[in-house]
Amino acid sequence: MYQDLNDPIEVIAIFAEHQLKPVRFKWRERVHKISRVTGSWKKFEGEYIVRYFAVVDEETNVFQLMYNERLTDWTICKIWVE
């Protein structure tokens, strides 16, 4: 099941082929290298876009990340816990 979070994170992302793609992030003093992005979607908040990414790290942990274009910040929204 997913555990809801709302923690700020530091993200390294690339912009390739007209798309934003996170490649690693730092959460709670630990760096997670993203092995794959399993999904991405966006939601409009007024004139701004909030982008969401479902990602898997090298240890097969599953996270949902959010990039808020208005605030130009990243947040970890959810983590899969068993």
C-alpha atoms as a PDB file:
ATOM      1  CA  MET A   1       0.000   0.000   0.000  1.00  0.00           C
ATOM      2  CA  TYR A   2       1.060   3.583  -0.490  1.00  0.00           C
ATOM      3  CA  GLN A   3       1.994   5.845   2.383  1.00  0.00           C
ATOM      4  CA  ASP A   4       1.209   9.500   1.753  1.00  0.00           C
ATOM      5  CA  LEU A   5       4.039  11.957   2.334  1.00  0.00           C
ATOM      6  CA  ASN A   6       4.636  15.605   1.652  1.00  0.00           C
ATOM      7  CA  ASP A   7       8.401  15.896   2.117  1.00  0.00           C
ATOM      8  CA  PRO A   8      10.573  18.336   0.170  1.00  0.00           C
ATOM      9  CA  ILE A   9      13.378  16.646  -1.779  1.00  0.00           C
ATOM     10  CA  GLU A  10      16.370  17.623  -3.874  1.00  0.00           C
ATOM     11  CA  VAL A  11      16.211  16.240  -7.418  1.00  0.00           C
ATOM     12  CA  ILE A  12      18.599  15.996 -10.317  1.00  0.00           C
ATOM     13  CA  ALA A  13      16.602  15.864 -13.531  1.00  0.00           C
ATOM     14  CA  ILE A  14      17.314  16.119 -17.228  1.00  0.00           C
ATOM     15  CA  PHE A  15      15.295  17.672 -19.976  1.00  0.00           C
ATOM     16  CA  ALA A  16      15.503  15.439 -23.034  1.00  0.00           C
ATOM     17  CA  GLU A  17      13.259  15.007 -26.045  1.00  0.00           C
ATOM     18  CA  HIS A  18      11.007  17.818 -24.763  1.00  0.00           C
ATOM     19  CA  GLN A  19      10.362  16.013 -21.472  1.00  0.00           C
ATOM     20  CA  LEU A  20      11.477  16.436 -17.879  1.00  0.00           C
ATOM     21  CA  LYS A  21      12.956  13.245 -16.394  1.00  0.00           C
ATOM     22  CA  PRO A  22      14.174  12.836 -12.799  1.00  0.00           C
ATOM     23  CA  VAL A  23      17.349  10.722 -12.523  1.00  0.00           C
ATOM     24  CA  ARG A  24      18.116  10.839  -8.784  1.00  0.00           C
ATOM     25  CA  PHE A  25      16.832  12.456  -5.633  1.00  0.00           C
ATOM     26  CA  LYS A  26      17.899  13.063  -2.058  1.00  0.00           C
ATOM     27  CA  TRP A  27      15.391  12.330   0.690  1.00  0.00           C
ATOM     28  CA  ARG A  28      16.121  12.177   4.406  1.00  0.00           C
ATOM     29  CA  GLU A  29      19.876  12.528   3.788  1.00  0.00           C
ATOM     30  CA  ARG A  30      19.936   9.519   1.424  1.00  0.00           C
ATOM     31  CA  VAL A  31      20.455   9.615  -2.351  1.00  0.00           C
ATOM     32  CA  HIS A  32      18.188   7.415  -4.470  1.00  0.00           C
ATOM     33  CA  LYS A  33      19.249   6.723  -8.050  1.00  0.00           C
ATOM     34  CA  ILE A  34      16.199   6.237 -10.241  1.00  0.00           C
ATOM     35  CA  SER A  35      16.405   3.098 -12.349  1.00  0.00           C
ATOM     36  CA  ARG A  36      13.178   3.779 -14.245  1.00  0.00           C
ATOM     37  CA  VAL A  37      10.223   6.090 -14.538  1.00  0.00           C
ATOM     38  CA  THR A  38       7.106   3.925 -14.724  1.00  0.00           C
ATOM     39  CA  GLY A  39       4.649   6.730 -15.349  1.00  0.00           C
ATOM     40  CA  SER A  40       4.242  10.475 -15.595  1.00  0.00           C
ATOM     41  CA  TRP A  41       1.254  12.779 -15.727  1.00  0.00           C
ATOM     42  CA  LYS A  42       0.428  16.419 -15.163  1.00  0.00           C
ATOM     43  CA  LYS A  43      -2.267  18.435 -13.479  1.00  0.00           C
ATOM     44  CA  PHE A  44      -3.073  22.076 -14.126  1.00  0.00           C
ATOM     45  CA  GLU A  45      -3.339  24.415 -11.162  1.00  0.00           C
ATOM     46  CA  GLY A  46      -4.520  27.646 -12.701  1.00  0.00           C
ATOM     47  CA  GLU A  47      -1.970  28.656 -15.314  1.00  0.00           C
ATOM     48  CA  TYR A  48       0.751  26.431 -13.828  1.00  0.00           C
ATOM     49  CA  ILE A  49       1.484  22.738 -14.257  1.00  0.00           C
ATOM     50  CA  VAL A  50       2.240  20.248 -11.511  1.00  0.00           C
ATOM     51  CA  ARG A  51       4.090  17.219 -12.891  1.00  0.00           C
ATOM     52  CA  TYR A  52       3.980  13.795 -11.253  1.00  0.00           C
ATOM     53  CA  PHE A  53       6.383  10.897 -11.733  1.00  0.00           C
ATOM     54  CA  ALA A  54       6.094   7.291 -10.582  1.00  0.00           C
ATOM     55  CA  VAL A  55       9.671   6.059 -10.175  1.00  0.00           C
ATOM     56  CA  VAL A  56      11.601   2.990  -9.049  1.00  0.00           C
ATOM     57  CA  ASP A  57      15.033   3.287  -7.488  1.00  0.00           C
ATOM     58  CA  GLU A  58      17.927   0.835  -7.790  1.00  0.00           C
ATOM     59  CA  GLU A  59      16.700  -1.042  -4.710  1.00  0.00           C
ATOM     60  CA  THR A  60      13.214  -1.492  -6.275  1.00  0.00           C
ATOM     61  CA  ASN A  61      11.571   1.014  -3.920  1.00  0.00           C
ATOM     62  CA  VAL A  62       8.587   2.751  -5.536  1.00  0.00           C
ATOM     63  CA  PHE A  63       7.982   6.489  -5.099  1.00  0.00           C
ATOM     64  CA  GLN A  64       5.718   9.197  -6.446  1.00  0.00           C
ATOM     65  CA  LEU A  65       7.495  12.516  -7.000  1.00  0.00           C
ATOM     66  CA  MET A  66       5.941  15.877  -7.807  1.00  0.00           C
ATOM     67  CA  TYR A  67       7.426  18.947  -9.488  1.00  0.00           C
ATOM     68  CA  ASN A  68       5.530  22.194  -8.977  1.00  0.00           C
ATOM     69  CA  GLU A  69       6.329  24.600 -11.810  1.00  0.00           C
ATOM     70  CA  ARG A  70       4.938  27.639  -9.978  1.00  0.00           C
ATOM     71  CA  LEU A  71       7.097  27.073  -6.893  1.00  0.00           C
ATOM     72  CA  THR A  72       9.940  25.371  -8.828  1.00  0.00           C
ATOM     73  CA  ASP A  73      10.272  22.737  -6.140  1.00  0.00           C
ATOM     74  CA  TRP A  74      10.111  18.962  -5.794  1.00  0.00           C
ATOM     75  CA  THR A  75       8.170  16.907  -3.264  1.00  0.00           C
ATOM     76  CA  ILE A  76       7.959  13.203  -2.526  1.00  0.00           C
ATOM     77  CA  CYS A  77       4.221  12.485  -2.378  1.00  0.00           C
ATOM     78  CA  LYS A  78       4.015   8.741  -1.803  1.00  0.00           C
ATOM     79  CA  ILE A  79       6.113   5.689  -1.115  1.00  0.00           C
ATOM     80  CA  TRP A  80       5.100   2.066  -1.512  1.00  0.00           C
ATOM     81  CA  VAL A  81       5.345   0.163   1.781  1.00  0.00           C
ATOM     82  CA  GLU A  82       4.532  -3.461   2.421  1.00  0.00           C
END
